[in-house]
Amino acid sequence: MALMSRKPRLTEPLIRENGELRPATWEEALTKVAAGFAAVKENKGGEGFAIFSCSKSTNEMNYAAQKFGRAVLGTNNIDSCNRT
């Protein structure tokens, strides 16, 4: 059985600028993500977000996801595949 060739895994965050990806620090990447979340929240409020969690996650993980969605993102758009 031949080994499958795989692309190397990412070892650092990448930020898209002018259509190109460039390496960034974790602090820079997380700051950019936080700014993007803040912009969505300012423009669309909680309706700009949705949370979908997995039934294979623990109850604690699902609880944390819905708590993050409600308390931090301000959304009631929370669903999971638990009922299937």
PDB file of N, CA and C in Angstrom:
ATOM      1  N   MET A   1       0.838  -1.178   0.000  1.00  0.00           N
ATOM      2  CA  MET A   1       0.000   0.000   0.000  1.00  0.00           C
ATOM      3  C   MET A   1       0.886   1.245   0.000  1.00  0.00           C
ATOM      4  N   ALA A   2       0.708   2.072  -0.970  1.00  0.00           N
ATOM      5  CA  ALA A   2       1.527   3.280  -1.093  1.00  0.00           C
ATOM      6  C   ALA A   2       1.040   4.356  -0.134  1.00  0.00           C
ATOM      7  N   LEU A   3       1.980   5.124   0.370  1.00  0.00           N
ATOM      8  CA  LEU A   3       1.615   6.247   1.227  1.00  0.00           C
ATOM      9  C   LEU A   3       0.993   7.351   0.388  1.00  0.00           C
ATOM     10  N   MET A   4      -0.056   7.947   0.931  1.00  0.00           N
ATOM     11  CA  MET A   4      -0.693   9.056   0.221  1.00  0.00           C
ATOM     12  C   MET A   4       0.137  10.314   0.449  1.00  0.00           C
ATOM     13  N   SER A   5       0.310  11.080  -0.610  1.00  0.00           N
ATOM     14  CA  SER A   5       1.030  12.338  -0.424  1.00  0.00           C
ATOM     15  C   SER A   5       0.073  13.358   0.181  1.00  0.00           C
ATOM     16  N   ARG A   6       0.550  14.062   1.143  1.00  0.00           N
ATOM     17  CA  ARG A   6      -0.270  15.052   1.821  1.00  0.00           C
ATOM     18  C   ARG A   6       0.449  16.384   1.811  1.00  0.00           C
ATOM     19  N   LYS A   7      -0.354  17.427   1.777  1.00  0.00           N
ATOM     20  CA  LYS A   7       0.226  18.753   1.897  1.00  0.00           C
ATOM     21  C   LYS A   7       0.705  18.931   3.328  1.00  0.00           C
ATOM     22  N   PRO A   8       1.773  19.669   3.527  1.00  0.00           N
ATOM     23  CA  PRO A   8       2.229  19.893   4.903  1.00  0.00           C
ATOM     24  C   PRO A   8       1.192  20.690   5.696  1.00  0.00           C
ATOM     25  N   ARG A   9       1.130  20.432   6.974  1.00  0.00           N
ATOM     26  CA  ARG A   9       0.184  21.117   7.840  1.00  0.00           C
ATOM     27  C   ARG A   9       0.658  22.535   8.110  1.00  0.00           C
ATOM     28  N   LEU A  10      -0.314  23.401   8.381  1.00  0.00           N
ATOM     29  CA  LEU A  10       0.023  24.775   8.740  1.00  0.00           C
ATOM     30  C   LEU A  10       0.673  24.789  10.113  1.00  0.00           C
ATOM     31  N   THR A  11       1.692  25.590  10.262  1.00  0.00           N
ATOM     32  CA  THR A  11       2.364  25.719  11.551  1.00  0.00           C
ATOM     33  C   THR A  11       2.276  27.138  12.094  1.00  0.00           C
ATOM     34  N   GLU A  12       1.700  28.031  11.312  1.00  0.00           N
ATOM     35  CA  GLU A  12       1.532  29.418  11.731  1.00  0.00           C
ATOM     36  C   GLU A  12       0.288  29.976  11.048  1.00  0.00           C
ATOM     37  N   PRO A  13      -0.329  30.981  11.644  1.00  0.00           N
ATOM     38  CA  PRO A  13      -1.522  31.553  11.018  1.00  0.00           C
ATOM     39  C   PRO A  13      -1.173  32.290   9.726  1.00  0.00           C
ATOM     40  N   LEU A  14      -2.153  32.356   8.833  1.00  0.00           N
ATOM     41  CA  LEU A  14      -2.003  33.096   7.581  1.00  0.00           C
ATOM     42  C   LEU A  14      -3.088  34.157   7.516  1.00  0.00           C
ATOM     43  N   ILE A  15      -2.735  35.316   6.989  1.00  0.00           N
ATOM     44  CA  ILE A  15      -3.676  36.419   6.808  1.00  0.00           C
ATOM     45  C   ILE A  15      -3.707  36.768   5.326  1.00  0.00           C
ATOM     46  N   ARG A  16      -4.918  36.956   4.813  1.00  0.00           N
ATOM     47  CA  ARG A  16      -5.060  37.319   3.405  1.00  0.00           C
ATOM     48  C   ARG A  16      -4.975  38.836   3.262  1.00  0.00           C
ATOM     49  N   GLU A  17      -4.042  39.306   2.441  1.00  0.00           N
ATOM     50  CA  GLU A  17      -3.894  40.723   2.119  1.00  0.00           C
ATOM     51  C   GLU A  17      -3.743  40.855   0.609  1.00  0.00           C
ATOM     52  N   ASN A  18      -4.566  41.689   0.027  1.00  0.00           N
ATOM     53  CA  ASN A  18      -4.531  41.908  -1.424  1.00  0.00           C
ATOM     54  C   ASN A  18      -4.634  40.591  -2.188  1.00  0.00           C
ATOM     55  N   GLY A  19      -5.459  39.690  -1.696  1.00  0.00           N
ATOM     56  CA  GLY A  19      -5.684  38.426  -2.381  1.00  0.00           C
ATOM     57  C   GLY A  19      -4.618  37.373  -2.159  1.00  0.00           C
ATOM     58  N   GLU A  20      -3.605  37.676  -1.383  1.00  0.00           N
ATOM     59  CA  GLU A  20      -2.514  36.733  -1.132  1.00  0.00           C
ATOM     60  C   GLU A  20      -2.444  36.400   0.348  1.00  0.00           C
ATOM     61  N   LEU A  21      -2.103  35.154   0.646  1.00  0.00           N
ATOM     62  CA  LEU A  21      -1.911  34.753   2.038  1.00  0.00           C
ATOM     63  C   LEU A  21      -0.470  35.031   2.448  1.00  0.00           C
ATOM     64  N   ARG A  22      -0.341  35.558   3.663  1.00  0.00           N
ATOM     65  CA  ARG A  22       0.999  35.802   4.189  1.00  0.00           C
ATOM     66  C   ARG A  22       1.066  35.314   5.632  1.00  0.00           C
ATOM     67  N   PRO A  23       2.232  34.860   6.073  1.00  0.00           N
ATOM     68  CA  PRO A  23       2.372  34.413   7.460  1.00  0.00           C
ATOM     69  C   PRO A  23       2.151  35.584   8.418  1.00  0.00           C
ATOM     70  N   ALA A  24       1.603  35.272   9.586  1.00  0.00           N
ATOM     71  CA  ALA A  24       1.352  36.288  10.600  1.00  0.00           C
ATOM     72  C   ALA A  24       1.622  35.694  11.979  1.00  0.00           C
ATOM     73  N   THR A  25       1.745  36.566  12.963  1.00  0.00           N
ATOM     74  CA  THR A  25       1.880  36.092  14.337  1.00  0.00           C
ATOM     75  C   THR A  25       0.496  35.710  14.851  1.00  0.00           C
ATOM     76  N   TRP A  26       0.471  34.917  15.916  1.00  0.00           N
ATOM     77  CA  TRP A  26      -0.813  34.547  16.502  1.00  0.00           C
ATOM     78  C   TRP A  26      -1.533  35.778  17.031  1.00  0.00           C
ATOM     79  N   GLU A  27      -0.791  36.689  17.634  1.00  0.00           N
ATOM     80  CA  GLU A  27      -1.417  37.905  18.162  1.00  0.00           C
ATOM     81  C   GLU A  27      -2.072  38.719  17.046  1.00  0.00           C
ATOM     82  N   GLU A  28      -1.379  38.866  15.928  1.00  0.00           N
ATOM     83  CA  GLU A  28      -1.929  39.602  14.785  1.00  0.00           C
ATOM     84  C   GLU A  28      -3.169  38.905  14.224  1.00  0.00           C
ATOM     85  N   ALA A  29      -3.102  37.592  14.085  1.00  0.00           N
ATOM     86  CA  ALA A  29      -4.229  36.847  13.524  1.00  0.00           C
ATOM     87  C   ALA A  29      -5.451  36.914  14.437  1.00  0.00           C
ATOM     88  N   LEU A  30      -5.256  36.713  15.730  1.00  0.00           N
ATOM     89  CA  LEU A  30      -6.384  36.753  16.664  1.00  0.00           C
ATOM     90  C   LEU A  30      -6.962  38.155  16.779  1.00  0.00           C
ATOM     91  N   THR A  31      -6.114  39.177  16.683  1.00  0.00           N
ATOM     92  CA  THR A  31      -6.598  40.560  16.687  1.00  0.00           C
ATOM     93  C   THR A  31      -7.469  40.817  15.467  1.00  0.00           C
ATOM     94  N   LYS A  32      -7.061  40.287  14.316  1.00  0.00           N
ATOM     95  CA  LYS A  32      -7.839  40.457  13.090  1.00  0.00           C
ATOM     96  C   LYS A  32      -9.177  39.729  13.180  1.00  0.00           C
ATOM     97  N   VAL A  33      -9.183  38.537  13.746  1.00  0.00           N
ATOM     98  CA  VAL A  33     -10.429  37.785  13.922  1.00  0.00           C
ATOM     99  C   VAL A  33     -11.368  38.535  14.864  1.00  0.00           C
ATOM    100  N   ALA A  34     -10.829  39.024  15.982  1.00  0.00           N
ATOM    101  CA  ALA A  34     -11.649  39.756  16.949  1.00  0.00           C
ATOM    102  C   ALA A  34     -12.235  41.019  16.317  1.00  0.00           C
ATOM    103  N   ALA A  35     -11.448  41.706  15.507  1.00  0.00           N
ATOM    104  CA  ALA A  35     -11.945  42.908  14.824  1.00  0.00           C
ATOM    105  C   ALA A  35     -13.049  42.550  13.833  1.00  0.00           C
ATOM    106  N   GLY A  36     -12.898  41.428  13.148  1.00  0.00           N
ATOM    107  CA  GLY A  36     -13.931  40.983  12.214  1.00  0.00           C
ATOM    108  C   GLY A  36     -15.226  40.627  12.928  1.00  0.00           C
ATOM    109  N   PHE A  37     -15.114  39.920  14.062  1.00  0.00           N
ATOM    110  CA  PHE A  37     -16.306  39.600  14.861  1.00  0.00           C
ATOM    111  C   PHE A  37     -16.974  40.876  15.347  1.00  0.00           C
ATOM    112  N   ALA A  38     -16.178  41.842  15.829  1.00  0.00           N
ATOM    113  CA  ALA A  38     -16.730  43.105  16.330  1.00  0.00           C
ATOM    114  C   ALA A  38     -17.449  43.859  15.223  1.00  0.00           C
ATOM    115  N   ALA A  39     -16.898  43.848  14.005  1.00  0.00           N
ATOM    116  CA  ALA A  39     -17.527  44.543  12.877  1.00  0.00           C
ATOM    117  C   ALA A  39     -18.865  43.898  12.528  1.00  0.00           C
ATOM    118  N   VAL A  40     -18.936  42.583  12.518  1.00  0.00           N
ATOM    119  CA  VAL A  40     -20.195  41.891  12.229  1.00  0.00           C
ATOM    120  C   VAL A  40     -21.214  42.204  13.316  1.00  0.00           C
ATOM    121  N   LYS A  41     -20.769  42.151  14.573  1.00  0.00           N
ATOM    122  CA  LYS A  41     -21.684  42.422  15.686  1.00  0.00           C
ATOM    123  C   LYS A  41     -22.211  43.853  15.630  1.00  0.00           C
ATOM    124  N   GLU A  42     -21.361  44.804  15.251  1.00  0.00           N
ATOM    125  CA  GLU A  42     -21.780  46.202  15.147  1.00  0.00           C
ATOM    126  C   GLU A  42     -22.772  46.402  14.003  1.00  0.00           C
ATOM    127  N   ASN A  43     -22.526  45.752  12.875  1.00  0.00           N
ATOM    128  CA  ASN A  43     -23.374  45.939  11.693  1.00  0.00           C
ATOM    129  C   ASN A  43     -24.667  45.130  11.731  1.00  0.00           C
ATOM    130  N   LYS A  44     -24.613  43.913  12.240  1.00  0.00           N
ATOM    131  CA  LYS A  44     -25.774  43.019  12.172  1.00  0.00           C
ATOM    132  C   LYS A  44     -26.271  42.561  13.530  1.00  0.00           C
ATOM    133  N   GLY A  45     -25.555  42.909  14.590  1.00  0.00           N
ATOM    134  CA  GLY A  45     -25.935  42.435  15.915  1.00  0.00           C
ATOM    135  C   GLY A  45     -25.775  40.927  16.002  1.00  0.00           C
ATOM    136  N   GLY A  46     -26.490  40.322  16.935  1.00  0.00           N
ATOM    137  CA  GLY A  46     -26.406  38.876  17.109  1.00  0.00           C
ATOM    138  C   GLY A  46     -26.902  38.087  15.922  1.00  0.00           C
ATOM    139  N   GLU A  47     -27.753  38.698  15.096  1.00  0.00           N
ATOM    140  CA  GLU A  47     -28.282  38.002  13.915  1.00  0.00           C
ATOM    141  C   GLU A  47     -27.200  37.716  12.878  1.00  0.00           C
ATOM    142  N   GLY A  48     -26.035  38.320  13.028  1.00  0.00           N
ATOM    143  CA  GLY A  48     -24.940  38.074  12.091  1.00  0.00           C
ATOM    144  C   GLY A  48     -24.165  36.803  12.392  1.00  0.00           C
ATOM    145  N   PHE A  49     -24.535  36.111  13.464  1.00  0.00           N
ATOM    146  CA  PHE A  49     -23.814  34.912  13.886  1.00  0.00           C
ATOM    147  C   PHE A  49     -24.759  33.730  14.037  1.00  0.00           C
ATOM    148  N   ALA A  50     -24.194  32.556  13.942  1.00  0.00           N
ATOM    149  CA  ALA A  50     -24.907  31.322  14.242  1.00  0.00           C
ATOM    150  C   ALA A  50     -23.890  30.332  14.802  1.00  0.00           C
ATOM    151  N   ILE A  51     -24.359  29.481  15.675  1.00  0.00           N
ATOM    152  CA  ILE A  51     -23.515  28.448  16.266  1.00  0.00           C
ATOM    153  C   ILE A  51     -24.129  27.098  15.904  1.00  0.00           C
ATOM    154  N   PHE A  52     -23.293  26.186  15.430  1.00  0.00           N
ATOM    155  CA  PHE A  52     -23.733  24.818  15.188  1.00  0.00           C
ATOM    156  C   PHE A  52     -22.741  23.908  15.888  1.00  0.00           C
ATOM    157  N   SER A  53     -23.235  23.092  16.794  1.00  0.00           N
ATOM    158  CA  SER A  53     -22.354  22.190  17.525  1.00  0.00           C
ATOM    159  C   SER A  53     -22.672  20.743  17.175  1.00  0.00           C
ATOM    160  N   CYS A  54     -21.798  19.866  17.576  1.00  0.00           N
ATOM    161  CA  CYS A  54     -21.857  18.466  17.152  1.00  0.00           C
ATOM    162  C   CYS A  54     -22.358  17.569  18.269  1.00  0.00           C
ATOM    163  N   SER A  55     -23.148  16.578  17.926  1.00  0.00           N
ATOM    164  CA  SER A  55     -23.656  15.636  18.923  1.00  0.00           C
ATOM    165  C   SER A  55     -22.549  14.746  19.475  1.00  0.00           C
ATOM    166  N   LYS A  56     -21.441  14.642  18.788  1.00  0.00           N
ATOM    167  CA  LYS A  56     -20.326  13.843  19.283  1.00  0.00           C
ATOM    168  C   LYS A  56     -19.512  14.579  20.337  1.00  0.00           C
ATOM    169  N   SER A  57     -19.758  15.883  20.483  1.00  0.00           N
ATOM    170  CA  SER A  57     -19.098  16.651  21.535  1.00  0.00           C
ATOM    171  C   SER A  57     -19.749  16.319  22.872  1.00  0.00           C
ATOM    172  N   THR A  58     -19.032  16.610  23.928  1.00  0.00           N
ATOM    173  CA  THR A  58     -19.594  16.375  25.257  1.00  0.00           C
ATOM    174  C   THR A  58     -20.683  17.403  25.550  1.00  0.00           C
ATOM    175  N   ASN A  59     -21.526  17.103  26.528  1.00  0.00           N
ATOM    176  CA  ASN A  59     -22.534  18.068  26.955  1.00  0.00           C
ATOM    177  C   ASN A  59     -21.877  19.372  27.387  1.00  0.00           C
ATOM    178  N   GLU A  60     -20.728  19.262  28.041  1.00  0.00           N
ATOM    179  CA  GLU A  60     -20.023  20.447  28.505  1.00  0.00           C
ATOM    180  C   GLU A  60     -19.555  21.315  27.337  1.00  0.00           C
ATOM    181  N   MET A  61     -19.064  20.681  26.278  1.00  0.00           N
ATOM    182  CA  MET A  61     -18.616  21.437  25.094  1.00  0.00           C
ATOM    183  C   MET A  61     -19.802  22.112  24.405  1.00  0.00           C
ATOM    184  N   ASN A  62     -20.923  21.386  24.278  1.00  0.00           N
ATOM    185  CA  ASN A  62     -22.121  21.967  23.679  1.00  0.00           C
ATOM    186  C   ASN A  62     -22.654  23.115  24.524  1.00  0.00           C
ATOM    187  N   TYR A  63     -22.612  22.961  25.845  1.00  0.00           N
ATOM    188  CA  TYR A  63     -23.049  24.029  26.746  1.00  0.00           C
ATOM    189  C   TYR A  63     -22.157  25.254  26.571  1.00  0.00           C
ATOM    190  N   ALA A  64     -20.841  25.048  26.517  1.00  0.00           N
ATOM    191  CA  ALA A  64     -19.909  26.156  26.347  1.00  0.00           C
ATOM    192  C   ALA A  64     -20.153  26.864  25.007  1.00  0.00           C
ATOM    193  N   ALA A  65     -20.441  26.098  23.961  1.00  0.00           N
ATOM    194  CA  ALA A  65     -20.702  26.698  22.645  1.00  0.00           C
ATOM    195  C   ALA A  65     -21.953  27.566  22.677  1.00  0.00           C
ATOM    196  N   GLN A  66     -23.047  27.054  23.275  1.00  0.00           N
ATOM    197  CA  GLN A  66     -24.275  27.853  23.322  1.00  0.00           C
ATOM    198  C   GLN A  66     -24.106  29.043  24.242  1.00  0.00           C
ATOM    199  N   LYS A  67     -23.334  28.906  25.325  1.00  0.00           N
ATOM    200  CA  LYS A  67     -23.104  30.019  26.236  1.00  0.00           C
ATOM    201  C   LYS A  67     -22.295  31.110  25.528  1.00  0.00           C
ATOM    202  N   PHE A  68     -21.273  30.703  24.756  1.00  0.00           N
ATOM    203  CA  PHE A  68     -20.476  31.656  23.979  1.00  0.00           C
ATOM    204  C   PHE A  68     -21.369  32.377  22.974  1.00  0.00           C
ATOM    205  N   GLY A  69     -22.213  31.638  22.289  1.00  0.00           N
ATOM    206  CA  GLY A  69     -23.109  32.244  21.298  1.00  0.00           C
ATOM    207  C   GLY A  69     -24.037  33.261  21.915  1.00  0.00           C
ATOM    208  N   ARG A  70     -24.631  32.913  23.040  1.00  0.00           N
ATOM    209  CA  ARG A  70     -25.605  33.813  23.677  1.00  0.00           C
ATOM    210  C   ARG A  70     -24.937  34.979  24.394  1.00  0.00           C
ATOM    211  N   ALA A  71     -23.913  34.695  25.199  1.00  0.00           N
ATOM    212  CA  ALA A  71     -23.322  35.717  26.056  1.00  0.00           C
ATOM    213  C   ALA A  71     -22.327  36.618  25.324  1.00  0.00           C
ATOM    214  N   VAL A  72     -21.536  36.048  24.438  1.00  0.00           N
ATOM    215  CA  VAL A  72     -20.482  36.827  23.784  1.00  0.00           C
ATOM    216  C   VAL A  72     -20.943  37.366  22.431  1.00  0.00           C
ATOM    217  N   LEU A  73     -21.506  36.493  21.595  1.00  0.00           N
ATOM    218  CA  LEU A  73     -21.914  36.920  20.260  1.00  0.00           C
ATOM    219  C   LEU A  73     -23.304  37.555  20.246  1.00  0.00           C
ATOM    220  N   GLY A  74     -24.098  37.286  21.260  1.00  0.00           N
ATOM    221  CA  GLY A  74     -25.439  37.862  21.335  1.00  0.00           C
ATOM    222  C   GLY A  74     -26.427  37.237  20.374  1.00  0.00           C
ATOM    223  N   THR A  75     -26.240  35.959  20.056  1.00  0.00           N
ATOM    224  CA  THR A  75     -27.133  35.303  19.103  1.00  0.00           C
ATOM    225  C   THR A  75     -27.971  34.225  19.782  1.00  0.00           C
ATOM    226  N   ASN A  76     -29.166  34.043  19.280  1.00  0.00           N
ATOM    227  CA  ASN A  76     -29.994  32.906  19.666  1.00  0.00           C
ATOM    228  C   ASN A  76     -30.013  31.868  18.557  1.00  0.00           C
ATOM    229  N   ASN A  77     -29.223  32.080  17.503  1.00  0.00           N
ATOM    230  CA  ASN A  77     -29.141  31.159  16.373  1.00  0.00           C
ATOM    231  C   ASN A  77     -28.179  30.032  16.726  1.00  0.00           C
ATOM    232  N   ILE A  78     -28.665  29.075  17.499  1.00  0.00           N
ATOM    233  CA  ILE A  78     -27.829  27.979  17.987  1.00  0.00           C
ATOM    234  C   ILE A  78     -28.539  26.672  17.651  1.00  0.00           C
ATOM    235  N   ASP A  79     -27.809  25.752  17.050  1.00  0.00           N
ATOM    236  CA  ASP A  79     -28.406  24.478  16.679  1.00  0.00           C
ATOM    237  C   ASP A  79     -27.334  23.397  16.790  1.00  0.00           C
ATOM    238  N   SER A  80     -27.777  22.163  16.739  1.00  0.00           N
ATOM    239  CA  SER A  80     -26.856  21.029  16.739  1.00  0.00           C
ATOM    240  C   SER A  80     -27.548  19.851  16.072  1.00  0.00           C
ATOM    241  N   CYS A  81     -26.806  18.800  15.852  1.00  0.00           N
ATOM    242  CA  CYS A  81     -27.381  17.597  15.230  1.00  0.00           C
ATOM    243  C   CYS A  81     -27.755  16.579  16.297  1.00  0.00           C
ATOM    244  N   ASN A  82     -27.991  17.018  17.522  1.00  0.00           N
ATOM    245  CA  ASN A  82     -28.294  16.094  18.631  1.00  0.00           C
ATOM    246  C   ASN A  82     -29.575  15.316  18.428  1.00  0.00           C
ATOM    247  N   ARG A  83     -30.522  15.851  17.705  1.00  0.00           N
ATOM    248  CA  ARG A  83     -31.809  15.178  17.606  1.00  0.00           C
ATOM    249  C   ARG A  83     -31.870  14.156  16.474  1.00  0.00           C
ATOM    250  N   THR A  84     -30.804  13.943  15.746  1.00  0.00           N
ATOM    251  CA  THR A  84     -30.827  12.960  14.663  1.00  0.00           C
ATOM    252  C   THR A  84     -30.356  11.614  15.130  1.00  0.00           C
TER     253      THR A  84
END
